[in-house]
C-alpha atoms as a PDB file:
ATOM      1  CA  MET A   1      -3.560  52.607  -0.837  1.00  0.00           C
ATOM      2  CA  LYS A   2      -0.546  50.717   0.506  1.00  0.00           C
ATOM      3  CA  GLY A   3      -2.232  50.284   3.901  1.00  0.00           C
ATOM      4  CA  LEU A   4      -5.266  48.684   2.253  1.00  0.00           C
ATOM      5  CA  GLY A   5      -3.032  46.195   0.363  1.00  0.00           C
ATOM      6  CA  VAL A   6      -1.244  45.196   3.574  1.00  0.00           C
ATOM      7  CA  VAL A   7      -4.551  44.717   5.390  1.00  0.00           C
ATOM      8  CA  GLY A   8      -5.845  42.568   2.509  1.00  0.00           C
ATOM      9  CA  LEU A   9      -2.683  40.490   2.608  1.00  0.00           C
ATOM     10  CA  LEU A  10      -3.003  39.969   6.367  1.00  0.00           C
ATOM     11  CA  ILE A  11      -6.650  38.913   6.043  1.00  0.00           C
ATOM     12  CA  THR A  12      -5.776  36.486   3.253  1.00  0.00           C
ATOM     13  CA  ALA A  13      -2.920  35.038   5.342  1.00  0.00           C
ATOM     14  CA  ALA A  14      -5.223  34.636   8.364  1.00  0.00           C
ATOM     15  CA  ILE A  15      -7.836  32.820   6.286  1.00  0.00           C
ATOM     16  CA  GLY A  16      -5.155  30.576   4.765  1.00  0.00           C
ATOM     17  CA  LEU A  17      -3.760  29.752   8.203  1.00  0.00           C
ATOM     18  CA  GLY A  18      -7.254  28.938   9.465  1.00  0.00           C
ATOM     19  CA  ILE A  19      -7.850  26.540   6.573  1.00  0.00           C
ATOM     20  CA  TYR A  20      -4.424  24.957   7.108  1.00  0.00           C
ATOM     21  CA  MET A  21      -5.090  24.384  10.817  1.00  0.00           C
ATOM     22  CA  TYR A  22      -8.528  22.892  10.094  1.00  0.00           C
ATOM     23  CA  MET A  23      -7.102  20.484   7.506  1.00  0.00           C
ATOM     24  CA  LEU A  24      -4.256  19.519   9.812  1.00  0.00           C
ATOM     25  CA  LYS A  25      -6.727  18.548  12.541  1.00  0.00           C
ATOM     26  CA  GLN A  26      -8.740  16.477  10.052  1.00  0.00           C
ATOM     27  CA  ALA A  27      -5.619  14.496   9.119  1.00  0.00           C
ATOM     28  CA  ALA A  28      -4.799  13.653  12.732  1.00  0.00           C
ATOM     29  CA  PRO A  29      -5.299  10.023  13.784  1.00  0.00           C
ATOM     30  CA  GLY A  30      -8.287   9.017  15.897  1.00  0.00           C
ATOM     31  CA  PRO A  31      -8.172   8.781  19.680  1.00  0.00           C
ATOM     32  CA  GLY A  32      -5.712   6.147  20.868  1.00  0.00           C
ATOM     33  CA  MET A  33      -4.030   5.870  17.461  1.00  0.00           C
ATOM     34  CA  VAL A  34      -0.660   6.911  16.106  1.00  0.00           C
ATOM     35  CA  VAL A  35      -0.074   8.423  12.651  1.00  0.00           C
ATOM     36  CA  THR A  36       1.463   5.297  11.110  1.00  0.00           C
ATOM     37  CA  GLN A  37      -1.476   3.268  12.375  1.00  0.00           C
ATOM     38  CA  ASN A  38      -3.832   5.688  10.645  1.00  0.00           C
ATOM     39  CA  ILE A  39      -2.025   4.970   7.368  1.00  0.00           C
ATOM     40  CA  SER A  40      -2.411   1.209   7.901  1.00  0.00           C
ATOM     41  CA  ILE A  41      -6.109   1.592   8.721  1.00  0.00           C
ATOM     42  CA  THR A  42      -6.651   3.407   5.419  1.00  0.00           C
ATOM     43  CA  GLY A  43      -5.137   0.424   3.599  1.00  0.00           C
ATOM     44  CA  VAL A  44      -7.292  -2.003   5.588  1.00  0.00           C
ATOM     45  CA  LYS A  45     -10.450  -0.044   4.730  1.00  0.00           C
ATOM     46  CA  ASN A  46      -9.480   0.020   1.052  1.00  0.00           C
ATOM     47  CA  ASP A  47      -9.003  -3.758   1.151  1.00  0.00           C
ATOM     48  CA  LEU A  48     -12.429  -4.202   2.765  1.00  0.00           C
ATOM     49  CA  VAL A  49     -14.070  -2.181   0.001  1.00  0.00           C
ATOM     50  CA  ALA A  50     -12.229  -4.209  -2.664  1.00  0.00           C
ATOM     51  CA  ILE A  51     -13.340  -7.487  -1.063  1.00  0.00           C
ATOM     52  CA  ALA A  52     -16.935  -6.249  -0.780  1.00  0.00           C
ATOM     53  CA  GLN A  53     -16.902  -5.247  -4.449  1.00  0.00           C
ATOM     54  CA  ALA A  54     -15.621  -8.724  -5.312  1.00  0.00           C
ATOM     55  CA  GLU A  55     -18.489 -10.198  -3.269  1.00  0.00           C
ATOM     56  CA  ARG A  56     -20.991  -8.132  -5.248  1.00  0.00           C
ATOM     57  CA  MET A  57     -19.421  -9.183  -8.554  1.00  0.00           C
ATOM     58  CA  TYR A  58     -19.436 -12.834  -7.497  1.00  0.00           C
ATOM     59  CA  PHE A  59     -23.097 -12.534  -6.447  1.00  0.00           C
ATOM     60  CA  THR A  60     -24.007 -11.057  -9.836  1.00  0.00           C
ATOM     61  CA  GLN A  61     -22.321 -13.942 -11.656  1.00  0.00           C
ATOM     62  CA  ASN A  62     -23.312 -16.824  -9.343  1.00  0.00           C
ATOM     63  CA  GLY A  63     -26.377 -15.768  -7.359  1.00  0.00           C
ATOM     64  CA  SER A  64     -24.646 -16.237  -3.999  1.00  0.00           C
ATOM     65  CA  TYR A  65     -21.855 -14.766  -1.907  1.00  0.00           C
ATOM     66  CA  ALA A  66     -18.587 -16.610  -1.215  1.00  0.00           C
ATOM     67  CA  ASP A  67     -15.685 -16.908   1.218  1.00  0.00           C
ATOM     68  CA  LEU A  68     -12.270 -15.364   0.537  1.00  0.00           C
ATOM     69  CA  SER A  69     -10.686 -18.449  -1.003  1.00  0.00           C
ATOM     70  CA  THR A  70     -13.567 -18.856  -3.458  1.00  0.00           C
ATOM     71  CA  LEU A  71     -13.418 -15.175  -4.377  1.00  0.00           C
ATOM     72  CA  THR A  72      -9.703 -15.492  -5.107  1.00  0.00           C
ATOM     73  CA  THR A  73      -9.906 -18.726  -7.119  1.00  0.00           C
ATOM     74  CA  SER A  74     -12.916 -17.535  -9.134  1.00  0.00           C
ATOM     75  CA  GLY A  75     -11.053 -14.403 -10.223  1.00  0.00           C
ATOM     76  CA  ALA A  76     -13.675 -12.077  -8.722  1.00  0.00           C
ATOM     77  CA  MET A  77     -11.160 -10.624  -6.266  1.00  0.00           C
ATOM     78  CA  ASN A  78      -7.967  -9.044  -7.563  1.00  0.00           C
ATOM     79  CA  ILE A  79      -6.181  -8.796  -4.196  1.00  0.00           C
ATOM     80  CA  THR A  80      -4.330 -11.914  -3.151  1.00  0.00           C
ATOM     81  CA  HIS A  81      -3.498 -11.108   0.469  1.00  0.00           C
ATOM     82  CA  THR A  82      -5.864 -11.846   3.335  1.00  0.00           C
ATOM     83  CA  SER A  83      -4.106  -9.628   5.860  1.00  0.00           C
ATOM     84  CA  ARG A  84      -2.383  -6.272   6.244  1.00  0.00           C
ATOM     85  CA  ASP A  85      -0.285  -4.801   9.060  1.00  0.00           C
ATOM     86  CA  GLY A  86      -1.598  -7.179  11.742  1.00  0.00           C
ATOM     87  CA  TYR A  87      -5.213  -7.201  10.514  1.00  0.00           C
ATOM     88  CA  THR A  88      -6.618 -10.478   9.178  1.00  0.00           C
ATOM     89  CA  TYR A  89      -9.611 -10.571   6.833  1.00  0.00           C
ATOM     90  CA  THR A  90     -12.497 -13.035   6.916  1.00  0.00           C
ATOM     91  CA  ALA A  91     -15.625 -13.188   4.763  1.00  0.00           C
ATOM     92  CA  GLU A  92     -18.814 -14.801   6.001  1.00  0.00           C
ATOM     93  CA  PRO A  93     -21.418 -15.384   3.287  1.00  0.00           C
ATOM     94  CA  SER A  94     -24.973 -15.977   4.499  1.00  0.00           C
ATOM     95  CA  GLY A  95     -27.749 -16.384   1.944  1.00  0.00           C
ATOM     96  CA  ASN A  96     -28.369 -12.970   0.418  1.00  0.00           C
ATOM     97  CA  SER A  97     -25.874 -11.143   2.612  1.00  0.00           C
ATOM     98  CA  PHE A  98     -22.218 -11.169   3.567  1.00  0.00           C
ATOM     99  CA  THR A  99     -19.956  -9.674   6.194  1.00  0.00           C
ATOM    100  CA  VAL A 100     -16.257  -9.059   5.666  1.00  0.00           C
ATOM    101  CA  THR A 101     -14.305  -8.483   8.863  1.00  0.00           C
ATOM    102  CA  ALA A 102     -10.828  -7.067   9.462  1.00  0.00           C
ATOM    103  CA  ALA A 103      -9.693  -7.990  12.969  1.00  0.00           C
ATOM    104  CA  TYR A 104      -6.326  -7.201  14.531  1.00  0.00           C
ATOM    105  CA  THR A 105      -4.675 -10.553  15.264  1.00  0.00           C
ATOM    106  CA  ALA A 106      -1.006  -9.629  15.677  1.00  0.00           C
ATOM    107  CA  PRO A 107       0.648  -9.806  19.095  1.00  0.00           C
ATOM    108  CA  PRO A 108       0.126  -6.739  21.291  1.00  0.00           C
ATOM    109  CA  VAL A 109       2.599  -3.916  20.843  1.00  0.00           C
ATOM    110  CA  SER A 110       4.872  -3.225  23.812  1.00  0.00           C
ATOM    111  CA  ASN A 111       4.678   0.309  25.186  1.00  0.00           C
ATOM    112  CA  PRO A 112       6.889   2.297  27.516  1.00  0.00           C
ATOM    113  CA  ALA A 113       5.594   2.744  31.066  1.00  0.00           C
ATOM    114  CA  GLY A 114       2.925   5.406  31.318  1.00  0.00           C
ATOM    115  CA  VAL A 115       2.086   5.367  27.606  1.00  0.00           C
ATOM    116  CA  THR A 116      -1.439   4.381  26.660  1.00  0.00           C
ATOM    117  CA  PRO A 117      -1.321   1.411  24.288  1.00  0.00           C
ATOM    118  CA  PRO A 118      -2.788   2.017  20.843  1.00  0.00           C
ATOM    119  CA  ARG A 119      -6.239   0.633  20.173  1.00  0.00           C
ATOM    120  CA  PHE A 120      -6.907  -1.698  17.286  1.00  0.00           C
ATOM    121  CA  PRO A 121     -10.596  -1.590  16.363  1.00  0.00           C
ATOM    122  CA  THR A 122     -12.313  -4.257  14.294  1.00  0.00           C
ATOM    123  CA  TYR A 123     -13.764  -3.152  10.956  1.00  0.00           C
ATOM    124  CA  THR A 124     -16.634  -4.766   9.068  1.00  0.00           C
ATOM    125  CA  ILE A 125     -18.368  -4.156   5.761  1.00  0.00           C
ATOM    126  CA  ASP A 126     -21.480  -5.788   4.348  1.00  0.00           C
ATOM    127  CA  GLN A 127     -23.662  -5.591   1.245  1.00  0.00           C
ATOM    128  CA  SER A 128     -24.590  -2.000   2.169  1.00  0.00           C
ATOM    129  CA  MET A 129     -20.928  -1.106   1.371  1.00  0.00           C
ATOM    130  CA  GLU A 130     -20.618   0.859   4.632  1.00  0.00           C
ATOM    131  CA  ILE A 131     -17.596   0.284   6.847  1.00  0.00           C
ATOM    132  CA  HIS A 132     -18.388  -0.076  10.546  1.00  0.00           C
ATOM    133  CA  GLU A 133     -15.902   0.174  13.426  1.00  0.00           C
ATOM    134  CA  SER A 134     -16.162  -1.625  16.749  1.00  0.00           C
ATOM    135  CA  ASN A 135     -13.792  -2.116  19.670  1.00  0.00           C
END
């Protein structure tokens, strides 16, 4: 009986370790990114979603989309910053659509010799509420 309990414990530990390793790999930053950059990107994506939601609210109330300054002054957008961690936000309304862009505009980061510099992709969101990444 004791042998069966030990075997069960080992199997449970192996399954737990497998799940832990899988989750750890999922939390790793994307290629060419560092962990702290991954944290910043999450904030940028959250800001894009908030701005897109403000665009949708503004459209519902006014029948058109607006730029960032109009969204802020109208009270449709509850975030007041137009940048985060080197990324600058722009909103381009166009008839019945909009595109909000987060582009990295800060000076390049210096890297030691032989170290690949981090990449800073551009992120966009539109009325479909899907975030797209481009280089």
